[in-house]
Amino acid sequence: MAGLADEIRNEPSKRKRRNSIDFVLEKLDAKDRQALIDALNDRSISAISIFRVLQARGMPISESVISNYRRGLYGPL
């Protein structure tokens, strides 16, 4: 049996966690899904702009989820 230090060291640091972005993407058609992914990956588009557009469309998401995605906390889409 591996020791605790070995288990911690071997644990993947980035796991794909389901978050609001995943749920929003599931609700979109293919064209809008790709548009959102492109916007999320385009740093010239502010997180607040993406948040406002999605909120106006009734999508449950927060600006912090968008920012966390951009910081790499959720893994790539």
Protein backbone atom coordinates (compact mmCIF):
# COMPACT_ATOMS: atom_id res chain seq x y z
CA MET A 1 0.00 0.00 0.00
CA ALA A 2 1.34 3.42 -0.98
CA GLY A 3 1.96 6.00 1.69
CA LEU A 4 -0.06 9.17 2.02
CA ALA A 5 2.68 11.30 0.45
CA ASP A 6 2.75 9.05 -2.63
CA GLU A 7 -1.04 9.15 -2.96
CA ILE A 8 -1.09 12.93 -2.77
CA ARG A 9 1.80 13.24 -5.22
CA ASN A 10 0.08 10.93 -7.72
CA GLU A 11 -3.32 12.58 -7.48
CA PRO A 12 -4.07 14.55 -10.69
CA SER A 13 -4.00 18.28 -9.98
CA LYS A 14 -6.64 19.24 -12.54
CA ARG A 15 -9.85 17.30 -12.65
CA LYS A 16 -12.67 18.11 -14.97
CA ARG A 17 -15.43 19.24 -12.65
CA ARG A 18 -18.92 19.84 -13.92
CA ASN A 19 -19.89 23.45 -13.48
CA SER A 20 -22.42 25.93 -14.79
CA ILE A 21 -20.53 26.28 -18.07
CA ASP A 22 -21.12 22.59 -18.77
CA PHE A 23 -24.85 22.95 -18.07
CA VAL A 24 -25.15 26.05 -20.26
CA LEU A 25 -23.28 24.33 -23.12
CA GLU A 26 -25.68 21.37 -22.93
CA LYS A 27 -28.63 23.71 -23.51
CA LEU A 28 -27.18 25.37 -26.62
CA ASP A 29 -27.31 24.23 -30.22
CA ALA A 30 -24.02 23.40 -31.93
CA LYS A 31 -23.51 26.88 -33.41
CA ASP A 32 -24.15 28.75 -30.16
CA ARG A 33 -22.11 26.19 -28.20
CA GLN A 34 -19.09 26.86 -30.40
CA ALA A 35 -19.66 30.62 -30.18
CA LEU A 36 -19.63 30.42 -26.37
CA ILE A 37 -16.49 28.28 -26.30
CA ASP A 38 -14.78 30.73 -28.66
CA ALA A 39 -15.85 33.67 -26.46
CA LEU A 40 -14.64 31.95 -23.30
CA ASN A 41 -11.25 31.37 -24.88
CA ASP A 42 -10.99 34.91 -26.30
CA ARG A 43 -9.50 37.11 -23.58
CA SER A 44 -10.42 40.25 -25.52
CA ILE A 45 -14.06 39.53 -24.55
CA SER A 46 -14.61 40.35 -20.90
CA ALA A 47 -16.05 37.79 -18.51
CA ILE A 48 -18.71 40.32 -17.49
CA SER A 49 -19.86 40.66 -21.12
CA ILE A 50 -20.25 36.90 -21.44
CA PHE A 51 -22.02 36.77 -18.08
CA ARG A 52 -24.49 39.54 -19.04
CA VAL A 53 -25.39 37.98 -22.38
CA LEU A 54 -25.93 34.55 -20.84
CA GLN A 55 -27.96 36.01 -17.96
CA ALA A 56 -30.15 37.90 -20.44
CA ARG A 57 -30.82 34.56 -22.14
CA GLY A 58 -31.81 33.02 -18.81
CA MET A 59 -28.70 30.88 -18.46
CA PRO A 60 -27.71 30.13 -14.84
CA ILE A 61 -24.07 31.15 -14.61
CA SER A 62 -21.92 33.54 -12.59
CA GLU A 63 -19.06 35.76 -13.64
CA SER A 64 -16.79 33.91 -11.20
CA VAL A 65 -17.36 30.60 -13.02
CA ILE A 66 -16.26 32.23 -16.26
CA SER A 67 -13.20 33.72 -14.56
CA ASN A 68 -12.36 30.38 -12.93
CA TYR A 69 -12.59 28.64 -16.31
CA ARG A 70 -10.21 31.19 -17.77
CA ARG A 71 -7.78 30.63 -14.90
CA GLY A 72 -7.76 26.93 -15.80
CA LEU A 73 -9.62 25.57 -12.79
CA TYR A 74 -12.00 23.44 -14.85
CA GLY A 75 -9.79 22.16 -17.64
CA PRO A 76 -10.27 22.90 -21.33
CA LEU A 77 -13.62 22.64 -23.08
